[in-house]
Amino acid sequence: MKAVIFMTVLFSFSSFACSTYDAQFSSKVKEVMQQDDYSCLVKLDMNLSENSQSWRPHRICPLDIEVVQDQYISVRHCNFDVGDSISGYIVQTDNGLELD
């Protein structure tokens, strides 16, 4: 009986496997690389010792801050300059990091 319960729990958890990982954040823009007229790639200047910056990973499918550091994040409707404040949700998919 215990084996049946264990297998049921095991298969239940496998149905919750994450296809994306995300975190809510606020930070400053460190670098901007324009892709086209509307979208760009940005790097963050994450400094969590500043009160205006934060990082809150998702409880079930957390995105680690180490994954984001020094990586480009795809941004639609880009209107950012270096030093601007930026916030929202960063989502990691098979295609990379995206601002949602």
Protein backbone atom coordinates (compact mmCIF):
# COMPACT_ATOMS: atom_id res chain seq x y z
CA MET A 1 0.00 0.00 0.00
CA LYS A 2 2.85 2.41 0.86
CA ALA A 3 4.41 1.73 -2.53
CA VAL A 4 1.17 2.69 -4.30
CA ILE A 5 0.93 5.95 -2.35
CA PHE A 6 4.60 6.73 -3.05
CA MET A 7 4.15 6.11 -6.79
CA THR A 8 1.01 8.27 -6.86
CA VAL A 9 2.85 11.14 -5.17
CA LEU A 10 5.85 10.70 -7.45
CA PHE A 11 3.74 10.86 -10.62
CA SER A 12 1.77 13.82 -9.24
CA PHE A 13 4.96 15.83 -8.76
CA SER A 14 6.16 14.99 -12.26
CA SER A 15 3.03 16.65 -13.65
CA PHE A 16 4.17 19.88 -11.96
CA ALA A 17 7.52 19.92 -13.78
CA CYS A 18 8.41 23.47 -14.72
CA SER A 19 8.59 24.45 -18.36
CA THR A 20 9.47 28.02 -17.38
CA TYR A 21 11.13 29.63 -14.39
CA ASP A 22 10.40 33.16 -13.25
CA ALA A 23 10.96 35.88 -10.70
CA GLN A 24 9.52 39.28 -9.95
CA PHE A 25 12.19 41.98 -9.78
CA SER A 26 13.08 45.64 -9.78
CA SER A 27 16.51 46.83 -10.83
CA LYS A 28 18.47 49.25 -12.98
CA VAL A 29 19.41 48.83 -16.64
CA LYS A 30 23.11 48.13 -17.06
CA GLU A 31 23.26 47.71 -20.84
CA VAL A 32 20.88 48.04 -23.81
CA MET A 33 21.32 46.39 -27.19
CA GLN A 34 18.66 47.39 -29.74
CA GLN A 35 17.34 44.50 -31.88
CA ASP A 36 14.89 46.37 -34.11
CA ASP A 37 12.62 49.43 -33.91
CA TYR A 38 10.62 47.98 -31.02
CA SER A 39 12.56 45.32 -29.13
CA CYS A 40 15.92 45.14 -27.42
CA LEU A 41 18.08 43.11 -25.11
CA VAL A 42 19.00 44.46 -21.69
CA LYS A 43 21.35 43.46 -18.92
CA LEU A 44 20.50 44.28 -15.33
CA ASP A 45 22.63 46.01 -12.74
CA MET A 46 21.37 43.90 -9.82
CA ASN A 47 22.40 45.36 -6.47
CA LEU A 48 20.06 43.99 -3.81
CA SER A 49 21.69 46.12 -1.12
CA GLU A 50 19.82 49.10 -2.61
CA ASN A 51 16.31 49.55 -1.22
CA SER A 52 14.87 50.25 -4.67
CA GLN A 53 15.97 46.86 -6.00
CA SER A 54 14.38 43.50 -5.28
CA TRP A 55 14.30 39.87 -6.39
CA ARG A 56 11.40 37.53 -5.59
CA PRO A 57 11.61 34.10 -7.25
CA HIS A 58 8.46 32.12 -7.94
CA ARG A 59 7.66 29.62 -5.18
CA ILE A 60 7.17 26.57 -7.38
CA CYS A 61 9.37 27.33 -10.40
CA PRO A 62 11.99 29.80 -9.12
CA LEU A 63 14.42 31.59 -11.39
CA ASP A 64 17.80 31.93 -9.68
CA ILE A 65 19.35 35.37 -9.69
CA GLU A 66 22.67 33.83 -10.78
CA VAL A 67 21.04 32.82 -14.09
CA VAL A 68 20.14 36.43 -14.84
CA GLN A 69 23.39 38.14 -13.90
CA ASP A 70 25.35 39.16 -17.01
CA GLN A 71 22.73 37.61 -19.33
CA TYR A 72 20.66 39.49 -21.89
CA ILE A 73 16.92 39.68 -21.33
CA SER A 74 14.62 40.10 -24.31
CA VAL A 75 12.33 43.13 -23.96
CA ARG A 76 9.39 43.99 -26.24
CA HIS A 77 8.55 47.65 -26.75
CA CYS A 78 11.96 48.76 -25.54
CA ASN A 79 12.30 52.34 -24.36
CA PHE A 80 15.09 51.90 -21.82
CA ASP A 81 18.39 53.68 -21.41
CA VAL A 82 21.34 52.75 -19.21
CA GLY A 83 20.54 53.66 -15.61
CA ASP A 84 16.75 53.52 -16.01
CA SER A 85 14.67 51.66 -13.47
CA ILE A 86 13.12 48.45 -14.75
CA SER A 87 10.74 46.01 -13.09
CA GLY A 88 8.36 43.18 -13.85
CA TYR A 89 8.67 39.44 -14.26
CA ILE A 90 11.64 37.71 -15.86
CA VAL A 91 10.74 34.38 -17.43
CA GLN A 92 13.30 31.79 -18.48
CA THR A 93 12.12 29.59 -21.35
CA ASP A 94 13.87 27.38 -23.88
CA ASN A 95 14.39 30.55 -25.94
CA GLY A 96 16.21 32.43 -23.16
CA LEU A 97 15.24 35.16 -20.73
CA GLU A 98 12.26 37.44 -21.41
CA LEU A 99 10.69 40.37 -19.62
CA ASP A 100 7.00 39.62 -19.16
